[in-house]
């Protein structure tokens, strides 16, 4: 039943390898095998002998014991999901055209421009586009409209922005404004 449940958890990103299976209490040999295979020991309705528990602690081998099968399956499922690479979702908010550079420092700039499409939002990320080529990325750290701090500036409006970037932005560049959210994958 446990092997069948583990088989259902297999996917292209995380592979579950069963090094050994058996019956009886968990002993020192089981701990040594798990240590050499960089594995976790899963016990179901079994005990861990005292010497094995001490050796596991010394070697840093994890022993997980269960008496209820659905708890075992839930824990292993959660561990597999935690190993999956999170999914990054990108939402394009808009495009702005840079009309002026007011200040340039080592890793930040103060720029002015107009919102050509969509909107620009404080805290959003951007790509620097010069012609058809993307030169780098940055982050909007402060945003102003008519010299008043704001969270968002909409299409057709001019703005001033404090941006953090290692790339020098130039007049005429287009900033593609976007937000990324990270979402855990599920099985």
N, C-alpha and C. Protein backbone atom coordinates (compact mmCIF):
# COMPACT_ATOMS: atom_id res chain seq x y z
N UNK A 1 0.84 -1.20 0.00
CA UNK A 1 0.00 0.00 0.00
C UNK A 1 0.88 1.26 0.00
N UNK A 2 1.97 1.22 0.76
CA UNK A 2 2.86 2.39 0.83
C UNK A 2 3.56 2.59 -0.51
N UNK A 3 4.07 1.49 -1.10
CA UNK A 3 4.72 1.61 -2.42
C UNK A 3 3.76 2.14 -3.47
N UNK A 4 2.52 1.71 -3.43
CA UNK A 4 1.51 2.17 -4.38
C UNK A 4 1.27 3.67 -4.20
N UNK A 5 1.18 4.11 -2.95
CA UNK A 5 0.98 5.54 -2.67
C UNK A 5 2.18 6.36 -3.14
N UNK A 6 3.40 5.86 -2.93
CA UNK A 6 4.61 6.58 -3.36
C UNK A 6 4.71 6.64 -4.88
N UNK A 7 4.27 5.58 -5.56
CA UNK A 7 4.29 5.55 -7.03
C UNK A 7 3.42 6.67 -7.60
N UNK A 8 2.30 6.97 -6.92
CA UNK A 8 1.41 8.04 -7.39
C UNK A 8 2.05 9.42 -7.27
N UNK A 9 3.07 9.55 -6.43
CA UNK A 9 3.73 10.84 -6.22
C UNK A 9 4.83 11.12 -7.24
N UNK A 10 5.18 10.14 -8.05
CA UNK A 10 6.27 10.34 -9.02
C UNK A 10 5.87 11.39 -10.05
N UNK A 11 6.83 12.23 -10.40
CA UNK A 11 6.61 13.24 -11.43
C UNK A 11 7.94 13.51 -12.13
N UNK A 12 7.93 14.41 -13.08
CA UNK A 12 9.13 14.65 -13.88
C UNK A 12 10.20 15.41 -13.12
N UNK A 13 9.83 16.13 -12.08
CA UNK A 13 10.79 16.99 -11.39
C UNK A 13 11.41 16.35 -10.15
N UNK A 14 10.64 15.57 -9.40
CA UNK A 14 11.14 14.94 -8.18
C UNK A 14 10.96 13.44 -8.33
N UNK A 15 12.04 12.71 -8.10
CA UNK A 15 12.01 11.26 -8.23
C UNK A 15 12.15 10.62 -6.86
N UNK A 16 11.26 9.69 -6.54
CA UNK A 16 11.33 8.98 -5.27
C UNK A 16 11.98 7.63 -5.54
N UNK A 17 13.13 7.39 -4.89
CA UNK A 17 13.82 6.11 -5.03
C UNK A 17 13.74 5.36 -3.71
N UNK A 18 13.18 4.17 -3.74
CA UNK A 18 13.14 3.32 -2.56
C UNK A 18 14.41 2.48 -2.59
N UNK A 19 15.33 2.71 -1.63
CA UNK A 19 16.59 1.99 -1.60
C UNK A 19 16.40 0.56 -1.08
N UNK A 20 15.53 0.43 -0.10
CA UNK A 20 15.31 -0.88 0.50
C UNK A 20 13.98 -0.86 1.23
N UNK A 21 13.33 -2.01 1.26
CA UNK A 21 12.10 -2.13 2.04
C UNK A 21 12.13 -3.45 2.78
N UNK A 22 11.48 -3.48 3.91
CA UNK A 22 11.50 -4.71 4.69
C UNK A 22 10.58 -4.60 5.89
N UNK A 23 10.59 -5.66 6.69
CA UNK A 23 9.77 -5.70 7.89
C UNK A 23 10.69 -5.80 9.11
N UNK A 24 10.13 -5.51 10.28
CA UNK A 24 10.90 -5.58 11.51
C UNK A 24 11.31 -4.19 11.96
N UNK A 25 11.98 -4.14 13.11
CA UNK A 25 12.36 -2.84 13.65
C UNK A 25 13.51 -2.24 12.83
N UNK A 26 13.60 -0.92 12.92
CA UNK A 26 14.66 -0.20 12.21
C UNK A 26 15.94 -0.37 13.02
N UNK A 27 17.00 -0.86 12.33
CA UNK A 27 18.25 -1.16 13.04
C UNK A 27 19.41 -0.34 12.49
N UNK A 28 20.61 -0.60 13.02
CA UNK A 28 21.80 0.16 12.64
C UNK A 28 22.14 0.00 11.16
N UNK A 29 21.94 -1.20 10.61
CA UNK A 29 22.21 -1.41 9.17
C UNK A 29 21.33 -0.52 8.31
N UNK A 30 20.07 -0.36 8.72
CA UNK A 30 19.16 0.52 7.98
C UNK A 30 19.68 1.97 7.99
N UNK A 31 20.19 2.39 9.14
CA UNK A 31 20.71 3.75 9.28
C UNK A 31 21.96 3.94 8.41
N UNK A 32 22.86 2.94 8.43
CA UNK A 32 24.08 3.03 7.61
C UNK A 32 23.73 3.07 6.12
N UNK A 33 22.77 2.26 5.70
CA UNK A 33 22.34 2.25 4.29
C UNK A 33 21.75 3.61 3.91
N UNK A 34 20.90 4.15 4.78
CA UNK A 34 20.29 5.46 4.49
C UNK A 34 21.36 6.54 4.44
N UNK A 35 22.35 6.46 5.33
CA UNK A 35 23.43 7.44 5.36
C UNK A 35 24.23 7.40 4.06
N UNK A 36 24.57 6.21 3.61
CA UNK A 36 25.37 6.09 2.38
C UNK A 36 24.57 6.50 1.14
N UNK A 37 23.25 6.34 1.19
CA UNK A 37 22.41 6.72 0.04
C UNK A 37 21.80 8.09 0.17
N UNK A 38 22.22 8.86 1.22
CA UNK A 38 21.65 10.18 1.46
C UNK A 38 20.12 10.12 1.45
N UNK A 39 19.58 9.19 2.23
CA UNK A 39 18.15 8.91 2.22
C UNK A 39 17.52 9.17 3.59
N UNK A 40 16.21 9.11 3.61
CA UNK A 40 15.41 9.23 4.82
C UNK A 40 14.81 7.85 5.09
N UNK A 41 14.74 7.48 6.35
CA UNK A 41 14.12 6.21 6.72
C UNK A 41 12.68 6.49 7.10
N UNK A 42 11.77 5.72 6.50
CA UNK A 42 10.35 5.84 6.81
C UNK A 42 9.91 4.53 7.45
N UNK A 43 9.42 4.62 8.66
CA UNK A 43 8.93 3.43 9.37
C UNK A 43 7.43 3.49 9.51
N UNK A 44 6.77 2.34 9.26
CA UNK A 44 5.32 2.26 9.41
C UNK A 44 5.00 1.09 10.32
N UNK A 45 4.36 1.38 11.42
CA UNK A 45 4.01 0.35 12.42
C UNK A 45 5.24 -0.44 12.85
N UNK A 46 6.31 0.26 13.14
CA UNK A 46 7.53 -0.40 13.57
C UNK A 46 8.26 0.48 14.58
N UNK A 47 9.20 -0.12 15.26
CA UNK A 47 10.00 0.60 16.26
C UNK A 47 11.38 0.87 15.70
N UNK A 48 12.09 1.78 16.37
CA UNK A 48 13.49 2.06 16.06
C UNK A 48 14.29 1.58 17.27
N UNK A 49 15.26 0.65 17.06
CA UNK A 49 16.02 0.20 18.23
C UNK A 49 16.93 1.31 18.73
N UNK A 50 17.32 1.24 19.98
CA UNK A 50 18.06 2.30 20.66
C UNK A 50 19.37 2.62 19.95
N UNK A 51 20.13 1.59 19.55
CA UNK A 51 21.42 1.80 18.89
C UNK A 51 21.21 2.52 17.54
N UNK A 52 20.16 2.14 16.82
CA UNK A 52 19.87 2.77 15.52
C UNK A 52 19.51 4.24 15.71
N UNK A 53 18.75 4.54 16.76
CA UNK A 53 18.35 5.93 17.02
C UNK A 53 19.58 6.78 17.34
N UNK A 54 20.50 6.24 18.15
CA UNK A 54 21.72 6.98 18.48
C UNK A 54 22.59 7.19 17.24
N UNK A 55 22.74 6.13 16.43
CA UNK A 55 23.55 6.23 15.21
C UNK A 55 22.94 7.23 14.22
N UNK A 56 21.62 7.22 14.12
CA UNK A 56 20.94 8.16 13.22
C UNK A 56 21.20 9.60 13.65
N UNK A 57 21.21 9.83 14.95
CA UNK A 57 21.46 11.18 15.46
C UNK A 57 22.89 11.61 15.15
N UNK A 58 23.84 10.69 15.34
CA UNK A 58 25.26 10.99 15.07
C UNK A 58 25.48 11.25 13.58
N UNK A 59 24.89 10.42 12.73
CA UNK A 59 25.09 10.50 11.28
C UNK A 59 24.19 11.55 10.60
N UNK A 60 23.22 12.07 11.32
CA UNK A 60 22.31 13.06 10.73
C UNK A 60 21.28 12.44 9.80
N UNK A 61 20.91 11.19 10.05
CA UNK A 61 19.90 10.50 9.23
C UNK A 61 18.53 10.74 9.84
N UNK A 62 17.57 11.14 9.03
CA UNK A 62 16.22 11.40 9.49
C UNK A 62 15.42 10.09 9.50
N UNK A 63 14.75 9.82 10.61
CA UNK A 63 13.85 8.67 10.71
C UNK A 63 12.46 9.22 10.96
N UNK A 64 11.53 8.89 10.08
CA UNK A 64 10.14 9.30 10.23
C UNK A 64 9.30 8.05 10.50
N UNK A 65 8.60 8.04 11.63
CA UNK A 65 7.78 6.88 12.01
C UNK A 65 6.31 7.25 11.97
N UNK A 66 5.51 6.31 11.46
CA UNK A 66 4.07 6.54 11.33
C UNK A 66 3.30 5.30 11.78
N UNK A 67 2.08 5.53 12.29
CA UNK A 67 1.16 4.45 12.62
C UNK A 67 -0.11 4.53 11.79
N UNK A 68 -0.31 5.67 11.12
CA UNK A 68 -1.50 5.87 10.29
C UNK A 68 -1.03 6.17 8.87
N UNK A 69 -1.49 5.38 7.91
CA UNK A 69 -0.97 5.47 6.54
C UNK A 69 -1.26 6.81 5.88
N UNK A 70 -2.44 7.39 6.11
CA UNK A 70 -2.72 8.66 5.43
C UNK A 70 -1.81 9.77 5.94
N UNK A 71 -1.36 9.71 7.21
CA UNK A 71 -0.41 10.70 7.71
C UNK A 71 0.93 10.55 7.00
N UNK A 72 1.35 9.31 6.78
CA UNK A 72 2.59 9.03 6.05
C UNK A 72 2.49 9.62 4.64
N UNK A 73 1.41 9.33 3.95
CA UNK A 73 1.23 9.80 2.57
C UNK A 73 1.16 11.32 2.52
N UNK A 74 0.45 11.94 3.47
CA UNK A 74 0.36 13.41 3.50
C UNK A 74 1.74 14.05 3.72
N UNK A 75 2.52 13.49 4.67
CA UNK A 75 3.85 14.04 4.93
C UNK A 75 4.77 13.90 3.72
N UNK A 76 4.78 12.73 3.11
CA UNK A 76 5.65 12.52 1.93
C UNK A 76 5.20 13.41 0.79
N UNK A 77 3.89 13.54 0.59
CA UNK A 77 3.37 14.42 -0.46
C UNK A 77 3.82 15.85 -0.22
N UNK A 78 3.71 16.33 1.02
CA UNK A 78 4.13 17.69 1.35
C UNK A 78 5.63 17.87 1.09
N UNK A 79 6.43 16.86 1.43
CA UNK A 79 7.88 16.95 1.21
C UNK A 79 8.21 17.00 -0.28
N UNK A 80 7.49 16.21 -1.08
CA UNK A 80 7.72 16.22 -2.53
C UNK A 80 7.32 17.58 -3.11
N UNK A 81 6.17 18.12 -2.68
CA UNK A 81 5.71 19.43 -3.16
C UNK A 81 6.72 20.52 -2.79
N UNK A 82 7.31 20.44 -1.58
CA UNK A 82 8.32 21.43 -1.17
C UNK A 82 9.57 21.36 -2.04
N UNK A 83 9.85 20.21 -2.64
CA UNK A 83 11.03 20.06 -3.50
C UNK A 83 10.79 20.57 -4.92
N UNK A 84 9.52 20.73 -5.30
CA UNK A 84 9.21 21.20 -6.65
C UNK A 84 9.65 22.65 -6.81
N UNK A 85 10.16 22.98 -7.99
CA UNK A 85 10.55 24.35 -8.29
C UNK A 85 9.28 25.20 -8.35
N UNK A 86 9.24 26.30 -7.59
CA UNK A 86 8.04 27.13 -7.62
C UNK A 86 7.80 27.73 -9.01
N UNK A 87 6.56 27.99 -9.30
CA UNK A 87 6.17 28.56 -10.58
C UNK A 87 6.16 30.09 -10.45
N UNK A 88 6.83 30.78 -11.37
CA UNK A 88 6.88 32.24 -11.34
C UNK A 88 5.93 32.76 -12.42
N UNK A 89 4.93 33.51 -11.96
CA UNK A 89 3.94 34.07 -12.88
C UNK A 89 4.25 35.55 -13.09
N UNK A 90 4.40 35.94 -14.33
CA UNK A 90 4.72 37.34 -14.67
C UNK A 90 3.48 38.00 -15.24
N UNK A 91 3.20 39.21 -14.72
CA UNK A 91 2.09 40.01 -15.22
C UNK A 91 2.66 41.33 -15.73
N UNK A 92 2.56 41.58 -17.03
CA UNK A 92 3.01 42.85 -17.59
C UNK A 92 1.98 43.92 -17.24
N UNK A 93 2.46 45.03 -16.66
CA UNK A 93 1.56 46.12 -16.25
C UNK A 93 1.50 47.23 -17.30
N UNK A 94 2.63 47.51 -17.94
CA UNK A 94 2.63 48.58 -18.92
C UNK A 94 4.02 48.88 -19.45
N UNK A 95 4.10 49.95 -20.26
CA UNK A 95 5.36 50.40 -20.84
C UNK A 95 5.46 51.90 -20.64
N UNK A 96 6.67 52.35 -20.32
CA UNK A 96 6.89 53.79 -20.16
C UNK A 96 8.07 54.20 -21.02
N UNK A 97 8.01 55.43 -21.52
CA UNK A 97 9.11 55.97 -22.32
C UNK A 97 9.85 56.99 -21.46
N UNK A 98 11.17 56.83 -21.38
CA UNK A 98 12.00 57.72 -20.58
C UNK A 98 12.25 59.01 -21.35
N UNK A 99 11.90 60.16 -20.74
CA UNK A 99 12.06 61.47 -21.37
C UNK A 99 13.20 62.27 -20.76
N UNK A 100 13.58 61.95 -19.49
CA UNK A 100 14.63 62.73 -18.82
C UNK A 100 15.33 61.89 -17.76
N UNK A 101 16.61 62.18 -17.57
CA UNK A 101 17.41 61.58 -16.49
C UNK A 101 17.76 62.72 -15.56
N UNK A 102 17.31 62.65 -14.30
CA UNK A 102 17.55 63.74 -13.35
C UNK A 102 18.78 63.50 -12.48
N UNK A 103 19.04 62.24 -12.18
CA UNK A 103 20.18 61.93 -11.31
C UNK A 103 20.62 60.50 -11.55
N UNK A 104 21.95 60.30 -11.53
CA UNK A 104 22.52 58.97 -11.70
C UNK A 104 23.51 58.70 -10.58
N UNK A 105 23.30 57.60 -9.88
CA UNK A 105 24.23 57.16 -8.85
C UNK A 105 24.69 55.75 -9.20
N UNK A 106 25.49 55.16 -8.31
CA UNK A 106 26.08 53.86 -8.60
C UNK A 106 25.03 52.80 -8.98
N UNK A 107 24.02 52.61 -8.14
CA UNK A 107 23.02 51.57 -8.43
C UNK A 107 21.59 52.10 -8.43
N UNK A 108 21.44 53.41 -8.55
CA UNK A 108 20.08 53.97 -8.62
C UNK A 108 20.08 55.21 -9.50
N UNK A 109 18.88 55.55 -9.96
CA UNK A 109 18.71 56.72 -10.83
C UNK A 109 17.36 57.37 -10.51
N UNK A 110 17.25 58.64 -10.85
CA UNK A 110 15.96 59.32 -10.83
C UNK A 110 15.66 59.68 -12.27
N UNK A 111 14.55 59.15 -12.77
CA UNK A 111 14.19 59.32 -14.18
C UNK A 111 12.79 59.92 -14.29
N UNK A 112 12.50 60.48 -15.43
CA UNK A 112 11.18 61.00 -15.73
C UNK A 112 10.73 60.47 -17.06
N UNK A 113 9.42 60.30 -17.20
CA UNK A 113 8.91 59.78 -18.46
C UNK A 113 7.41 59.88 -18.55
N UNK A 114 6.88 59.21 -19.55
CA UNK A 114 5.44 59.17 -19.75
C UNK A 114 4.99 57.72 -19.90
N UNK A 115 3.82 57.44 -19.38
CA UNK A 115 3.27 56.08 -19.46
C UNK A 115 2.64 55.91 -20.84
N UNK A 116 3.25 55.05 -21.67
CA UNK A 116 2.79 54.84 -23.04
C UNK A 116 1.66 53.80 -23.11
N UNK A 117 1.74 52.77 -22.26
CA UNK A 117 0.72 51.71 -22.21
C UNK A 117 0.51 51.29 -20.77
N UNK A 118 -0.72 50.95 -20.44
CA UNK A 118 -1.00 50.38 -19.13
C UNK A 118 -0.75 51.35 -18.00
N UNK A 119 0.12 50.94 -17.06
CA UNK A 119 0.41 51.77 -15.90
C UNK A 119 1.79 51.43 -15.35
N UNK A 120 2.29 52.34 -14.50
CA UNK A 120 3.53 52.11 -13.78
C UNK A 120 3.15 52.09 -12.30
N UNK A 121 3.73 51.17 -11.53
CA UNK A 121 3.36 51.01 -10.13
C UNK A 121 4.61 51.02 -9.25
N UNK A 122 4.53 51.69 -8.11
CA UNK A 122 5.61 51.71 -7.13
C UNK A 122 5.86 50.28 -6.65
N UNK A 123 7.13 49.89 -6.60
CA UNK A 123 7.49 48.55 -6.15
C UNK A 123 7.53 47.51 -7.26
N UNK A 124 7.14 47.88 -8.47
CA UNK A 124 7.15 46.94 -9.60
C UNK A 124 8.56 46.82 -10.18
N UNK A 125 8.79 45.73 -10.86
CA UNK A 125 10.06 45.51 -11.56
C UNK A 125 9.93 46.00 -13.00
N UNK A 126 11.06 46.16 -13.66
CA UNK A 126 11.03 46.56 -15.07
C UNK A 126 12.21 45.98 -15.83
N UNK A 127 12.02 45.89 -17.14
CA UNK A 127 13.11 45.55 -18.07
C UNK A 127 13.42 46.81 -18.86
N UNK A 128 14.71 47.03 -19.11
CA UNK A 128 15.13 48.19 -19.89
C UNK A 128 15.25 47.75 -21.34
N UNK A 129 14.46 48.39 -22.20
CA UNK A 129 14.45 48.02 -23.61
C UNK A 129 14.98 49.21 -24.41
N UNK A 130 16.02 48.94 -25.18
CA UNK A 130 16.64 49.96 -26.04
C UNK A 130 16.53 49.41 -27.46
N UNK A 131 15.67 50.01 -28.26
CA UNK A 131 15.38 49.42 -29.58
C UNK A 131 14.60 48.13 -29.36
N UNK A 132 15.11 47.04 -29.89
CA UNK A 132 14.46 45.74 -29.69
C UNK A 132 15.19 44.87 -28.67
N UNK A 133 16.29 45.41 -28.13
CA UNK A 133 17.14 44.63 -27.23
C UNK A 133 16.85 44.96 -25.76
N UNK A 134 16.83 43.94 -24.91
CA UNK A 134 16.65 44.13 -23.47
C UNK A 134 18.03 44.20 -22.83
N UNK A 135 18.30 45.28 -22.08
CA UNK A 135 19.62 45.53 -21.52
C UNK A 135 19.75 45.12 -20.06
N UNK A 136 18.66 44.96 -19.36
CA UNK A 136 18.73 44.58 -17.95
C UNK A 136 17.41 44.81 -17.26
N UNK A 137 17.47 44.64 -15.93
CA UNK A 137 16.27 44.78 -15.12
C UNK A 137 16.49 45.79 -14.01
N UNK A 138 15.42 46.17 -13.35
CA UNK A 138 15.50 47.07 -12.22
C UNK A 138 14.22 47.05 -11.41
N UNK A 139 14.17 47.93 -10.41
CA UNK A 139 13.04 47.99 -9.49
C UNK A 139 12.67 49.45 -9.26
N UNK A 140 11.38 49.75 -9.28
CA UNK A 140 10.90 51.11 -9.00
C UNK A 140 10.80 51.22 -7.47
N UNK A 141 11.58 52.14 -6.89
CA UNK A 141 11.60 52.26 -5.43
C UNK A 141 10.76 53.43 -4.93
N UNK A 142 10.46 54.40 -5.79
CA UNK A 142 9.58 55.53 -5.42
C UNK A 142 8.99 56.09 -6.71
N UNK A 143 7.77 56.60 -6.60
CA UNK A 143 7.06 57.08 -7.78
C UNK A 143 6.37 58.40 -7.44
N UNK A 144 6.45 59.38 -8.38
CA UNK A 144 5.80 60.67 -8.18
C UNK A 144 5.04 61.07 -9.44
N UNK A 145 3.95 61.80 -9.19
CA UNK A 145 3.19 62.40 -10.29
C UNK A 145 2.92 63.85 -9.86
N UNK A 146 3.33 64.81 -10.67
CA UNK A 146 3.22 66.23 -10.33
C UNK A 146 3.90 66.54 -8.99
N UNK A 147 5.06 65.94 -8.76
CA UNK A 147 5.89 66.11 -7.55
C UNK A 147 5.19 65.65 -6.27
N UNK A 148 4.16 64.81 -6.41
CA UNK A 148 3.46 64.23 -5.26
C UNK A 148 3.65 62.72 -5.31
N UNK A 149 4.09 62.16 -4.18
CA UNK A 149 4.33 60.72 -4.11
C UNK A 149 3.02 59.96 -4.36
N UNK A 150 3.11 58.91 -5.17
CA UNK A 150 1.92 58.12 -5.52
C UNK A 150 2.27 56.65 -5.65
N UNK A 151 1.26 55.80 -5.63
CA UNK A 151 1.47 54.35 -5.77
C UNK A 151 1.43 53.93 -7.24
N UNK A 152 0.72 54.71 -8.08
CA UNK A 152 0.47 54.26 -9.44
C UNK A 152 0.23 55.45 -10.36
N UNK A 153 0.73 55.35 -11.60
CA UNK A 153 0.49 56.37 -12.61
C UNK A 153 -0.05 55.67 -13.85
N UNK A 154 -1.15 56.20 -14.39
CA UNK A 154 -1.84 55.55 -15.51
C UNK A 154 -1.39 56.08 -16.87
N UNK A 155 -1.83 55.40 -17.93
CA UNK A 155 -1.46 55.70 -19.31
C UNK A 155 -1.71 57.17 -19.67
N UNK A 156 -0.79 57.75 -20.45
CA UNK A 156 -0.92 59.13 -20.92
C UNK A 156 -0.44 60.17 -19.93
N UNK A 157 0.11 59.74 -18.81
CA UNK A 157 0.50 60.68 -17.76
C UNK A 157 2.02 60.65 -17.57
N UNK A 158 2.58 61.83 -17.22
CA UNK A 158 4.01 61.90 -16.94
C UNK A 158 4.27 61.57 -15.47
N UNK A 159 5.49 61.12 -15.19
CA UNK A 159 5.85 60.69 -13.84
C UNK A 159 7.34 60.93 -13.61
N UNK A 160 7.72 60.85 -12.35
CA UNK A 160 9.12 60.81 -11.95
C UNK A 160 9.29 59.57 -11.10
N UNK A 161 10.42 58.89 -11.23
CA UNK A 161 10.60 57.65 -10.48
C UNK A 161 12.04 57.50 -10.01
N UNK A 162 12.17 56.98 -8.82
CA UNK A 162 13.45 56.57 -8.28
C UNK A 162 13.55 55.09 -8.62
N UNK A 163 14.61 54.70 -9.33
CA UNK A 163 14.74 53.30 -9.74
C UNK A 163 16.07 52.73 -9.28
N UNK A 164 16.05 51.45 -8.97
CA UNK A 164 17.27 50.75 -8.57
C UNK A 164 17.65 49.83 -9.72
N UNK A 165 18.84 50.06 -10.28
CA UNK A 165 19.32 49.24 -11.38
C UNK A 165 20.83 49.40 -11.53
N UNK A 166 21.47 48.38 -12.00
CA UNK A 166 22.90 48.44 -12.27
C UNK A 166 23.20 48.89 -13.68
N UNK A 167 22.17 49.05 -14.50
CA UNK A 167 22.31 49.46 -15.90
C UNK A 167 21.94 50.93 -16.02
N UNK A 168 22.72 51.67 -16.79
CA UNK A 168 22.43 53.10 -16.98
C UNK A 168 21.28 53.25 -17.97
N UNK A 169 20.19 53.84 -17.49
CA UNK A 169 19.03 54.12 -18.34
C UNK A 169 19.31 55.39 -19.13
N UNK A 170 18.87 55.41 -20.40
CA UNK A 170 19.11 56.58 -21.26
C UNK A 170 17.78 57.14 -21.74
N UNK A 171 17.79 58.43 -22.10
CA UNK A 171 16.60 59.06 -22.68
C UNK A 171 16.23 58.29 -23.95
N UNK A 172 14.95 57.97 -24.10
CA UNK A 172 14.48 57.20 -25.25
C UNK A 172 14.28 55.73 -24.94
N UNK A 173 14.86 55.24 -23.83
CA UNK A 173 14.65 53.85 -23.45
C UNK A 173 13.18 53.63 -23.09
N UNK A 174 12.75 52.41 -23.26
CA UNK A 174 11.40 52.00 -22.86
C UNK A 174 11.56 51.04 -21.69
N UNK A 175 10.80 51.28 -20.63
CA UNK A 175 10.79 50.37 -19.49
C UNK A 175 9.52 49.55 -19.56
N UNK A 176 9.69 48.23 -19.59
CA UNK A 176 8.55 47.32 -19.58
C UNK A 176 8.30 46.98 -18.11
N UNK A 177 7.18 47.46 -17.59
CA UNK A 177 6.86 47.32 -16.16
C UNK A 177 6.12 45.99 -15.96
N UNK A 178 6.55 45.22 -14.94
CA UNK A 178 5.90 43.94 -14.67
C UNK A 178 5.97 43.59 -13.19
N UNK A 179 5.13 42.66 -12.80
CA UNK A 179 5.15 42.10 -11.45
C UNK A 179 5.25 40.59 -11.57
N UNK A 180 6.01 39.98 -10.65
CA UNK A 180 6.13 38.53 -10.63
C UNK A 180 5.60 38.01 -9.30
N UNK A 181 4.83 36.95 -9.37
CA UNK A 181 4.37 36.28 -8.16
C UNK A 181 4.85 34.85 -8.22
N UNK A 182 5.25 34.33 -7.06
CA UNK A 182 5.75 32.97 -6.98
C UNK A 182 4.64 32.11 -6.38
N UNK A 183 4.35 31.00 -7.06
CA UNK A 183 3.30 30.10 -6.61
C UNK A 183 3.87 28.69 -6.52
N UNK A 184 3.60 28.04 -5.39
CA UNK A 184 4.05 26.67 -5.22
C UNK A 184 3.30 25.76 -6.17
N UNK A 185 4.01 24.82 -6.75
CA UNK A 185 3.37 23.83 -7.62
C UNK A 185 2.69 22.79 -6.74
N UNK A 186 1.72 22.12 -7.32
CA UNK A 186 1.04 21.03 -6.63
C UNK A 186 1.14 19.78 -7.48
N UNK A 187 0.85 18.66 -6.87
CA UNK A 187 0.88 17.39 -7.61
C UNK A 187 -0.46 17.12 -8.25
